[in-house]
Amino acid sequence: MSTENSKDFMELLQEELDSRINEIESPGYEHVPSLTKGDYVGMISAAIVCVVIIVIGIV
């Protein structure tokens, strides 16, 4: 029974992957813009704040 469920899952997964690939390859697909310098600064700032909060919590 678990083999049938696994097979069904794999078939569903393959169908979903195929539909997403077709969507991405379609001419009307709008690609996500690249990350900017501000995005990287925001990510690094958030990481530093998280590390500081963790260190304060340990001490």
Protein backbone atom coordinates (compact mmCIF):
# COMPACT_ATOMS: atom_id res chain seq x y z
CA MET A 1 0.00 0.00 0.00
CA SER A 2 2.79 2.45 0.76
CA THR A 3 4.30 1.70 -2.64
CA GLU A 4 1.03 2.78 -4.31
CA ASN A 5 0.95 5.98 -2.26
CA SER A 6 4.57 6.66 -3.15
CA LYS A 7 3.84 6.05 -6.82
CA ASP A 8 0.81 8.35 -6.74
CA PHE A 9 2.86 11.01 -4.99
CA MET A 10 5.63 10.75 -7.56
CA GLU A 11 3.11 11.04 -10.40
CA LEU A 12 1.51 14.10 -8.79
CA LEU A 13 4.93 15.61 -8.19
CA GLN A 14 5.96 15.07 -11.81
CA GLU A 15 2.71 16.65 -13.05
CA GLU A 16 3.24 19.68 -10.81
CA LEU A 17 6.86 20.04 -11.91
CA ASP A 18 5.84 19.85 -15.57
CA SER A 19 3.17 22.52 -15.13
CA ARG A 20 5.58 24.85 -13.32
CA ILE A 21 8.28 24.34 -15.95
CA ASN A 22 5.75 25.15 -18.68
CA GLU A 23 4.72 28.29 -16.79
CA ILE A 24 8.31 29.48 -16.37
CA GLU A 25 9.15 28.79 -20.01
CA SER A 26 6.07 30.62 -21.33
CA PRO A 27 6.74 33.94 -23.09
CA GLY A 28 4.46 35.89 -20.73
CA TYR A 29 6.28 34.84 -17.56
CA GLU A 30 7.54 37.82 -15.55
CA HIS A 31 10.90 37.05 -13.95
CA VAL A 32 11.74 38.18 -10.43
CA PRO A 33 14.15 41.13 -10.33
CA SER A 34 17.69 40.52 -9.07
CA LEU A 35 18.69 41.36 -5.52
CA THR A 36 20.08 44.85 -5.01
CA LYS A 37 22.74 46.18 -2.67
CA GLY A 38 19.97 47.32 -0.31
CA ASP A 39 18.60 43.78 -0.15
CA TYR A 40 21.99 42.42 0.88
CA VAL A 41 22.44 45.17 3.48
CA GLY A 42 19.02 44.32 4.93
CA MET A 43 19.80 40.61 5.13
CA ILE A 44 23.17 41.19 6.79
CA SER A 45 21.65 43.67 9.24
CA ALA A 46 18.90 41.23 10.19
CA ALA A 47 21.47 38.45 10.69
CA ILE A 48 23.63 40.68 12.91
CA VAL A 49 20.59 41.68 15.01
CA CYS A 50 19.64 38.01 15.43
CA VAL A 51 23.16 37.03 16.51
CA VAL A 52 23.29 39.92 19.01
CA ILE A 53 19.93 38.90 20.47
CA ILE A 54 21.11 35.28 20.79
CA VAL A 55 24.35 36.37 22.50
CA ILE A 56 22.44 38.63 24.90
CA GLY A 57 20.11 35.73 25.70
CA ILE A 58 23.03 33.41 26.46
CA VAL A 59 24.82 35.86 28.75
